[in-house]
Structure formats: C-alpha cells, structure tokens
Protein backbone atom coordinates (compact mmCIF):
# COMPACT_ATOMS: atom_id res chain seq x y z
CA UNK A 1 76.47 -6.93 15.58
CA UNK A 2 72.67 -7.47 15.86
CA UNK A 3 71.03 -8.24 12.58
CA UNK A 4 67.43 -7.17 12.15
CA UNK A 5 65.19 -9.60 10.37
CA UNK A 6 62.19 -8.16 8.59
CA UNK A 7 58.98 -10.16 8.87
CA UNK A 8 56.24 -10.08 6.27
CA UNK A 9 52.78 -9.74 7.79
CA UNK A 10 50.07 -11.47 5.85
CA UNK A 11 46.61 -9.92 5.77
CA UNK A 12 44.27 -11.92 7.72
CA UNK A 13 40.55 -11.95 7.25
CA UNK A 14 38.19 -13.69 9.77
CA UNK A 15 35.67 -15.06 7.22
CA UNK A 16 33.67 -16.90 9.77
CA UNK A 17 33.53 -14.08 12.21
CA UNK A 18 32.47 -11.69 9.38
CA UNK A 19 29.67 -14.00 8.30
CA UNK A 20 28.41 -14.46 11.95
CA UNK A 21 28.50 -10.73 12.38
CA UNK A 22 26.30 -10.23 9.32
CA UNK A 23 23.86 -12.87 10.36
CA UNK A 24 23.54 -11.32 13.74
CA UNK A 25 22.89 -7.94 12.13
CA UNK A 26 20.21 -9.52 9.99
CA UNK A 27 18.65 -11.12 12.95
CA UNK A 28 18.16 -7.72 14.64
CA UNK A 29 16.57 -6.51 11.39
CA UNK A 30 14.33 -9.47 11.35
CA UNK A 31 13.13 -8.62 14.82
CA UNK A 32 12.32 -5.08 13.74
CA UNK A 33 10.34 -6.10 10.72
CA UNK A 34 8.87 -9.05 12.57
CA UNK A 35 7.42 -6.69 15.13
CA UNK A 36 5.87 -4.50 12.37
CA UNK A 37 4.44 -7.59 10.69
CA UNK A 38 2.87 -8.68 13.98
CA UNK A 39 1.36 -5.22 14.50
CA UNK A 40 -0.01 -5.35 10.91
CA UNK A 41 -1.46 -8.79 11.47
CA UNK A 42 -3.22 -7.88 14.62
CA UNK A 43 -4.89 -4.80 13.06
CA UNK A 44 -5.69 -6.76 9.89
CA UNK A 45 -7.48 -9.36 11.88
CA UNK A 46 -9.33 -6.56 13.72
CA UNK A 47 -10.35 -4.48 10.58
CA UNK A 48 -10.44 -6.93 7.68
CA UNK A 49 -13.02 -5.05 5.71
CA UNK A 50 -11.41 -1.64 6.09
CA UNK A 51 -7.98 -3.06 5.16
CA UNK A 52 -9.47 -4.72 2.09
CA UNK A 53 -11.14 -1.52 0.91
CA UNK A 54 -8.06 0.63 1.47
CA UNK A 55 -5.79 -1.87 -0.27
CA UNK A 56 -7.94 -1.53 -3.48
CA UNK A 57 -6.51 2.01 -3.91
CA UNK A 58 -2.90 0.83 -4.16
CA UNK A 59 -1.30 0.53 -7.59
CA UNK A 60 -0.87 -3.28 -7.95
CA UNK A 61 0.90 -2.86 -11.31
CA UNK A 62 3.75 -0.83 -9.74
CA UNK A 63 3.83 -3.21 -6.82
CA UNK A 64 4.13 -6.24 -9.26
CA UNK A 65 6.83 -4.54 -11.24
CA UNK A 66 8.85 -3.70 -8.12
CA UNK A 67 8.57 -7.37 -7.11
CA UNK A 68 9.97 -8.40 -10.40
CA UNK A 69 12.70 -5.91 -10.17
CA UNK A 70 13.85 -6.97 -6.75
CA UNK A 71 13.60 -10.76 -7.51
CA UNK A 72 15.71 -10.23 -10.66
CA UNK A 73 18.25 -8.12 -8.68
CA UNK A 74 18.68 -11.09 -6.25
CA UNK A 75 19.63 -13.15 -9.33
CA UNK A 76 22.12 -10.60 -10.69
CA UNK A 77 23.58 -10.30 -7.14
CA UNK A 78 24.05 -14.09 -6.91
CA UNK A 79 25.62 -14.13 -10.39
CA UNK A 80 27.98 -11.30 -9.36
CA UNK A 81 29.25 -13.33 -6.39
CA UNK A 82 29.54 -16.42 -8.51
CA UNK A 83 31.57 -14.48 -11.17
CA UNK A 84 34.20 -13.29 -8.58
CA UNK A 85 34.41 -16.84 -7.23
CA UNK A 86 35.30 -17.96 -10.80
CA UNK A 87 37.90 -15.22 -11.09
CA UNK A 88 35.85 -12.85 -13.39
CA UNK A 89 36.23 -9.47 -11.73
CA UNK A 90 34.77 -7.66 -14.74
CA UNK A 91 31.72 -10.00 -14.88
CA UNK A 92 31.11 -9.55 -11.18
CA UNK A 93 31.30 -5.77 -11.48
CA UNK A 94 29.00 -5.73 -14.47
CA UNK A 95 26.32 -7.80 -12.68
CA UNK A 96 26.80 -5.71 -9.55
CA UNK A 97 26.01 -2.51 -11.51
CA UNK A 98 22.91 -4.19 -13.03
CA UNK A 99 21.82 -4.96 -9.47
CA UNK A 100 22.31 -1.29 -8.56
CA UNK A 101 20.27 -0.18 -11.50
CA UNK A 102 17.41 -2.56 -10.43
CA UNK A 103 17.53 -1.14 -7.03
CA UNK A 104 17.28 2.46 -8.30
CA UNK A 105 14.36 1.55 -10.58
CA UNK A 106 12.57 0.14 -7.52
CA UNK A 107 13.06 3.39 -5.71
CA UNK A 108 11.98 5.39 -8.71
CA UNK A 109 8.71 3.41 -8.92
CA UNK A 110 8.17 3.80 -5.23
CA UNK A 111 8.69 7.51 -5.52
CA UNK A 112 6.15 7.70 -8.26
CA UNK A 113 3.65 5.53 -6.34
CA UNK A 114 4.06 7.62 -3.17
CA UNK A 115 3.86 10.86 -5.17
CA UNK A 116 0.57 9.76 -6.60
CA UNK A 117 -0.85 9.01 -3.09
CA UNK A 118 0.58 12.40 -1.71
CA UNK A 119 -0.91 14.36 -4.67
CA UNK A 120 -4.35 13.01 -3.69
CA UNK A 121 -3.77 14.03 -0.07
CA UNK A 122 -3.17 10.49 1.20
CA UNK A 123 -0.35 10.55 3.66
CA UNK A 124 0.03 10.30 7.46
CA UNK A 125 -1.53 13.35 9.10
CA UNK A 126 -3.23 14.66 5.95
CA UNK A 127 -6.58 16.48 6.05
CA UNK A 128 -7.99 13.96 3.55
CA UNK A 129 -7.34 11.04 5.92
CA UNK A 130 -8.65 12.85 9.01
CA UNK A 131 -12.23 12.73 7.64
CA UNK A 132 -12.34 9.01 6.80
CA UNK A 133 -12.67 5.84 8.93
CA UNK A 134 -9.83 5.54 11.55
CA UNK A 135 -9.23 1.91 10.57
CA UNK A 136 -8.48 2.97 6.91
CA UNK A 137 -6.19 5.74 8.25
CA UNK A 138 -4.47 2.95 10.23
CA UNK A 139 -3.88 0.91 7.04
CA UNK A 140 -2.21 3.83 5.24
CA UNK A 141 -0.07 4.69 8.30
CA UNK A 142 1.17 1.11 8.32
CA UNK A 143 1.69 1.24 4.55
CA UNK A 144 3.78 4.41 4.65
CA UNK A 145 5.79 3.32 7.73
CA UNK A 146 6.54 -0.22 6.53
CA UNK A 147 7.21 0.45 2.80
CA UNK A 148 9.06 3.59 3.76
CA UNK A 149 11.37 1.73 6.12
CA UNK A 150 11.93 -0.84 3.55
CA UNK A 151 12.82 1.78 0.96
CA UNK A 152 15.42 3.15 3.33
CA UNK A 153 16.93 -0.31 3.52
CA UNK A 154 16.95 -0.53 -0.27
CA UNK A 155 18.70 2.88 -0.48
CA UNK A 156 21.34 1.82 2.10
CA UNK A 157 21.82 -1.41 0.24
CA UNK A 158 22.40 0.53 -3.05
CA UNK A 159 24.97 2.61 -1.30
CA UNK A 160 26.91 -0.42 -0.01
CA UNK A 161 26.58 -2.13 -3.48
CA UNK A 162 28.20 0.96 -5.03
CA UNK A 163 31.04 0.75 -2.43
CA UNK A 164 31.53 -2.90 -3.45
CA UNK A 165 31.65 -1.88 -7.09
CA UNK A 166 34.35 0.55 -6.40
CA UNK A 167 36.29 -2.11 -4.45
CA UNK A 168 35.95 -4.45 -7.36
CA UNK A 169 37.30 -1.85 -9.74
CA UNK A 170 40.21 -1.27 -7.35
CA UNK A 171 40.86 -5.11 -7.07
CA UNK A 172 40.33 -5.01 -3.37
CA UNK A 173 37.71 -7.77 -3.96
CA UNK A 174 39.00 -10.77 -5.80
CA UNK A 175 38.43 -14.55 -6.06
CA UNK A 176 40.56 -15.06 -2.89
CA UNK A 177 38.89 -12.26 -0.78
CA UNK A 178 35.28 -11.69 -1.50
CA UNK A 179 33.61 -12.02 1.94
CA UNK A 180 32.61 -8.34 1.86
CA UNK A 181 30.64 -8.96 -1.46
CA UNK A 182 29.05 -12.12 0.01
CA UNK A 183 27.93 -10.20 3.08
CA UNK A 184 26.58 -7.41 0.95
CA UNK A 185 24.71 -10.07 -1.00
CA UNK A 186 23.12 -11.47 2.18
CA UNK A 187 21.85 -8.02 3.14
CA UNK A 188 20.45 -7.48 -0.33
CA UNK A 189 18.65 -10.83 -0.36
CA UNK A 190 17.20 -10.02 3.08
CA UNK A 191 15.81 -6.75 1.63
CA UNK A 192 14.18 -8.69 -1.24
CA UNK A 193 12.77 -11.23 1.16
CA UNK A 194 11.10 -8.46 3.27
CA UNK A 195 9.47 -7.08 0.09
CA UNK A 196 8.20 -10.47 -0.81
CA UNK A 197 6.21 -10.31 2.47
CA UNK A 198 5.19 -6.71 2.09
CA UNK A 199 3.82 -7.05 -1.40
CA UNK A 200 1.04 -9.57 -0.70
CA UNK A 201 0.16 -8.02 2.69
CA UNK A 202 -0.61 -4.59 1.19
CA UNK A 203 -1.35 -5.14 -2.48
CA UNK A 204 -2.90 -8.69 -2.74
CA UNK A 205 -4.89 -8.45 0.53
CA UNK A 206 -8.30 -10.05 0.24
C-alpha cells in the first residue's frame, strides 16, 4: 500500500528581486524626467528673460503649499512603513491614509491652479498664447507637460497607496511581509523628489 505524504508549501517572496525590480523601474522613470529636465535647461539657457517673465504669472503660494504637502506625505509614508515593521498594522494603515489625503490635496491644488490658467486662456494651443512671444509659449508648454506628467504619477501613486491600504486591512501586509509597502514607499518618495526639482525650476526661477 502506497502512502501519500502531504507536503506544506511555504509562501516564498523574493525580497531582493522585488527591490531590484522597483529600482530598475524607477531608473527608467529617472531617464524620462531627466530628459525633460535637460530640454527645460536647454531652453531656459536660451530664453532666460522670457522664462523669468512667464514664471511670474505662476501661483507661488499654491506651489509652496503643494511642496509642503508632498514633503509631509513622504514623512507619513515613512512612518507607515516603520509602523508595520514594529507590528502596528493599524498605525501603518492610519498613516498610509494620511499620505493618500495629502496626495489628493496636492491634486486638488494643482487642479485649481491649472483651472485658473485655463480660465485665462493659458494652455497649450490656446488663442491667447498664439499672439505672444514664442519663447513664453514654450515655457507654458513645458510647464503643462512636465507638471501634468508629474500629476499623473501622483494619481498613479495614490491608486497604489489605496491598494496597499486595502491589503493592510486584509492583513496581507504584516511585519513579516511588507515588501510591497516598501516598494510603494520608494515610488512615492521618487514622485516627491521630482516635485522638489519642478518647484524651483518653474516657480522660483530668477
């Protein structure tokens, strides 16, 4: 008589491979934004006066507020990861939700800022821009493309953060398995760093 022995299969997670995969993804994102920063720098050097004049019309108060929101969200994201490492799933979920709220506030402010510009006819291809200096038009085209692309990354980050929040509630993320949350944190920090470069380039330009 042949006896059948049942084997228990342990769930295996390749933490190192997961981290490397995330860093490779972020590297491709760095190439994308790095190319845009290079284009901006080239035209900034070519049209310094026009870029300076155009930047004066941007709302520096909203830009500053959004910078504070994203920097604070990086802090709450880090605390969320630290909390789950210490075994506090509820604390991790709470700080993760705060991070999501900060991200949504950032997008709300950006929507308000863009809406103000669009209401005045300032957007790519608008009639108002067609009658002014082409170098100023170039500034606004870069502004909408680069901040818009960043906003899309913030929106994607919020979506992933919400998924992590659900996984925390379902206990799929815990103190023994939190690599998904860590990778999400890396992405969110990357998004924040990109804004730290965008803010002075567009709002504090001199």
